[in-house]
């Protein structure tokens, strides 16, 4: 009896690890950005106008930071059992990054936040491209384009209808999923 419990426990641990590895491999194969859920000291959060950089380009009109120019949500199939349904979606994000003189911006991560808003009666999902910098004396305020395609799985939270309000930059999309049993 005790041995069966140990075998079942080991089996469940291996199954969980296998599922996590499958999700990571799927994300690496199908997405061209790393998704993060943690906060960090990202460069664009700490950007301030500095006097020494203003001397180089006083006519600069664009603020340093991340700009989202295009945002699309492509809906996939609803999958899963009757009480554990999920929908596959693809997020397409395109825009430009602008850094200060000598600080070339780049982006390889997207921060994703999910929460349920009771006052709105829907799930809020926010996507934020993360801008980082590398020091490069040849960089002079030029916009650096970026483009992401992220495959993502949304968990359906209501057995009748789930509404997802998806925000990226100043763009907002709504996905409504009606589940037929």
Protein backbone atom coordinates (compact mmCIF):
# COMPACT_ATOMS: atom_id res chain seq x y z
CA UNK A 1 0.00 0.00 0.00
CA UNK A 2 2.75 2.42 0.98
CA UNK A 3 4.79 1.49 -2.10
CA UNK A 4 1.80 2.23 -4.37
CA UNK A 5 1.50 5.70 -2.85
CA UNK A 6 5.17 6.38 -3.53
CA UNK A 7 4.83 5.16 -7.12
CA UNK A 8 1.74 7.32 -7.69
CA UNK A 9 3.46 10.33 -6.12
CA UNK A 10 6.54 9.87 -8.33
CA UNK A 11 4.35 9.41 -11.38
CA UNK A 12 2.47 12.66 -10.65
CA UNK A 13 5.72 14.56 -10.11
CA UNK A 14 7.11 13.26 -13.42
CA UNK A 15 3.85 14.13 -15.22
CA UNK A 16 3.92 17.70 -13.83
CA UNK A 17 7.55 18.18 -14.81
CA UNK A 18 6.83 16.76 -18.27
CA UNK A 19 3.89 19.13 -18.73
CA UNK A 20 6.01 22.12 -17.69
CA UNK A 21 8.77 21.11 -20.10
CA UNK A 22 6.20 20.69 -22.89
CA UNK A 23 4.81 24.20 -22.29
CA UNK A 24 8.31 25.70 -22.28
CA UNK A 25 9.33 23.85 -25.47
CA UNK A 26 6.05 24.84 -27.18
CA UNK A 27 6.65 28.50 -26.25
CA UNK A 28 10.23 28.39 -27.51
CA UNK A 29 9.23 26.85 -30.82
CA UNK A 30 6.20 29.05 -31.53
CA UNK A 31 7.07 32.40 -29.92
CA UNK A 32 9.87 34.78 -30.75
CA UNK A 33 9.82 36.54 -27.37
CA UNK A 34 10.44 35.39 -23.85
CA UNK A 35 7.40 35.89 -21.62
CA UNK A 36 8.09 37.05 -18.08
CA UNK A 37 5.73 37.49 -15.15
CA UNK A 38 8.20 39.11 -12.77
CA UNK A 39 8.99 42.75 -12.18
CA UNK A 40 12.53 43.96 -12.73
CA UNK A 41 14.75 47.02 -13.12
CA UNK A 42 14.01 47.54 -16.81
CA UNK A 43 15.74 50.41 -18.56
CA UNK A 44 12.69 52.32 -19.79
CA UNK A 45 11.28 52.63 -16.28
CA UNK A 46 14.35 54.56 -15.13
CA UNK A 47 14.67 56.86 -18.15
CA UNK A 48 15.01 60.53 -17.24
CA UNK A 49 15.95 63.48 -19.40
CA UNK A 50 19.61 64.13 -18.72
CA UNK A 51 21.36 67.43 -19.48
CA UNK A 52 24.47 65.85 -21.02
CA UNK A 53 22.36 64.00 -23.58
CA UNK A 54 20.27 67.04 -24.47
CA UNK A 55 23.40 68.83 -25.68
CA UNK A 56 23.83 66.33 -28.51
CA UNK A 57 20.30 66.57 -29.96
CA UNK A 58 18.28 69.51 -28.64
CA UNK A 59 15.85 69.15 -31.58
CA UNK A 60 14.89 65.62 -30.58
CA UNK A 61 11.09 65.39 -30.59
CA UNK A 62 10.50 61.73 -29.71
CA UNK A 63 10.71 60.66 -26.08
CA UNK A 64 12.90 57.67 -25.26
CA UNK A 65 10.95 54.53 -24.51
CA UNK A 66 8.69 51.85 -26.01
CA UNK A 67 6.03 52.61 -28.62
CA UNK A 68 3.46 49.99 -29.70
CA UNK A 69 2.34 50.81 -33.25
CA UNK A 70 0.35 47.66 -34.07
CA UNK A 71 -1.32 45.05 -31.86
CA UNK A 72 -3.36 42.06 -33.03
CA UNK A 73 -4.97 39.11 -31.27
CA UNK A 74 -5.54 35.98 -33.36
CA UNK A 75 -7.97 33.53 -31.75
CA UNK A 76 -7.44 29.79 -31.99
CA UNK A 77 -9.43 26.74 -30.92
CA UNK A 78 -11.10 26.15 -27.56
CA UNK A 79 -9.74 22.93 -26.05
CA UNK A 80 -10.00 20.92 -22.87
CA UNK A 81 -12.53 19.09 -20.76
CA UNK A 82 -15.91 20.51 -19.75
CA UNK A 83 -14.55 22.13 -16.54
CA UNK A 84 -11.01 22.97 -17.70
CA UNK A 85 -11.28 24.71 -21.06
CA UNK A 86 -8.57 26.83 -22.64
CA UNK A 87 -8.28 28.92 -25.78
CA UNK A 88 -5.11 29.29 -27.81
CA UNK A 89 -4.41 32.86 -28.94
CA UNK A 90 -1.53 34.54 -30.75
CA UNK A 91 -0.46 38.07 -29.88
CA UNK A 92 1.27 40.09 -32.62
CA UNK A 93 3.06 43.21 -31.34
CA UNK A 94 4.99 45.67 -33.53
CA UNK A 95 6.54 48.99 -32.66
CA UNK A 96 9.73 50.99 -32.13
CA UNK A 97 12.18 51.59 -29.31
CA UNK A 98 14.04 54.86 -28.80
CA UNK A 99 16.97 55.33 -26.46
CA UNK A 100 19.27 58.18 -25.49
CA UNK A 101 22.49 58.96 -27.32
CA UNK A 102 24.96 56.16 -26.72
CA UNK A 103 22.30 53.82 -25.30
CA UNK A 104 21.04 51.52 -28.07
CA UNK A 105 17.68 49.98 -27.08
CA UNK A 106 16.71 46.37 -27.68
CA UNK A 107 13.87 44.15 -26.60
CA UNK A 108 13.61 40.39 -26.21
CA UNK A 109 11.04 40.03 -23.41
CA UNK A 110 7.37 40.77 -22.95
CA UNK A 111 5.81 41.11 -19.49
CA UNK A 112 2.29 39.62 -19.26
CA UNK A 113 -0.08 40.31 -16.38
CA UNK A 114 -3.48 38.60 -15.89
CA UNK A 115 -6.17 39.56 -13.38
CA UNK A 116 -9.94 39.46 -13.02
CA UNK A 117 -11.78 42.78 -12.55
CA UNK A 118 -15.06 42.24 -10.67
CA UNK A 119 -16.32 45.75 -11.42
CA UNK A 120 -16.00 45.19 -15.19
CA UNK A 121 -16.90 41.50 -15.08
CA UNK A 122 -13.98 40.49 -17.31
CA UNK A 123 -10.38 39.36 -17.23
CA UNK A 124 -7.73 42.03 -17.89
CA UNK A 125 -4.56 40.92 -19.63
CA UNK A 126 -1.77 43.46 -20.11
CA UNK A 127 1.25 42.96 -22.36
CA UNK A 128 4.30 45.22 -22.00
CA UNK A 129 7.35 44.91 -24.28
CA UNK A 130 10.44 45.33 -22.11
CA UNK A 131 13.14 47.68 -23.36
CA UNK A 132 16.73 47.20 -22.33
CA UNK A 133 19.83 49.09 -23.39
CA UNK A 134 23.40 48.36 -24.36
CA UNK A 135 26.00 51.11 -24.45
CA UNK A 136 26.98 52.02 -28.02
CA UNK A 137 28.61 55.39 -28.81
CA UNK A 138 27.48 55.20 -32.46
CA UNK A 139 23.76 55.19 -31.53
CA UNK A 140 22.03 58.58 -32.06
CA UNK A 141 18.29 58.56 -31.19
CA UNK A 142 17.24 56.40 -34.18
CA UNK A 143 14.04 54.36 -33.76
CA UNK A 144 14.78 50.62 -33.49
CA UNK A 145 11.87 48.47 -34.77
CA UNK A 146 10.72 45.30 -32.98
CA UNK A 147 8.15 42.64 -33.81
CA UNK A 148 6.81 39.80 -31.66
CA UNK A 149 4.53 36.85 -32.28
CA UNK A 150 3.61 35.15 -29.00
CA UNK A 151 1.53 31.98 -28.73
CA UNK A 152 -0.36 32.03 -25.46
CA UNK A 153 -3.02 29.94 -23.70
CA UNK A 154 -5.91 31.64 -21.90
CA UNK A 155 -7.82 29.69 -19.25
CA UNK A 156 -11.58 30.08 -19.58
CA UNK A 157 -12.88 31.19 -16.20
CA UNK A 158 -16.65 30.94 -16.76
CA UNK A 159 -18.55 27.91 -18.06
CA UNK A 160 -20.96 30.06 -20.12
CA UNK A 161 -19.03 33.06 -21.41
CA UNK A 162 -15.57 34.47 -20.68
CA UNK A 163 -14.55 37.99 -21.70
CA UNK A 164 -10.88 38.95 -21.95
CA UNK A 165 -9.91 42.62 -22.27
CA UNK A 166 -6.35 42.56 -23.69
CA UNK A 167 -4.25 45.73 -23.47
CA UNK A 168 -0.88 46.48 -25.10
CA UNK A 169 0.35 50.06 -25.05
CA UNK A 170 -2.60 52.24 -26.05
CA UNK A 171 -4.24 49.39 -28.01
CA UNK A 172 -7.11 47.41 -26.54
CA UNK A 173 -8.78 44.26 -27.90
CA UNK A 174 -11.66 42.21 -26.51
CA UNK A 175 -11.98 38.44 -26.88
CA UNK A 176 -15.32 36.84 -25.96
CA UNK A 177 -15.47 33.09 -25.64
CA UNK A 178 -18.81 31.29 -25.45
CA UNK A 179 -18.48 27.73 -24.34
CA UNK A 180 -20.96 25.19 -25.67
CA UNK A 181 -21.30 22.07 -23.54
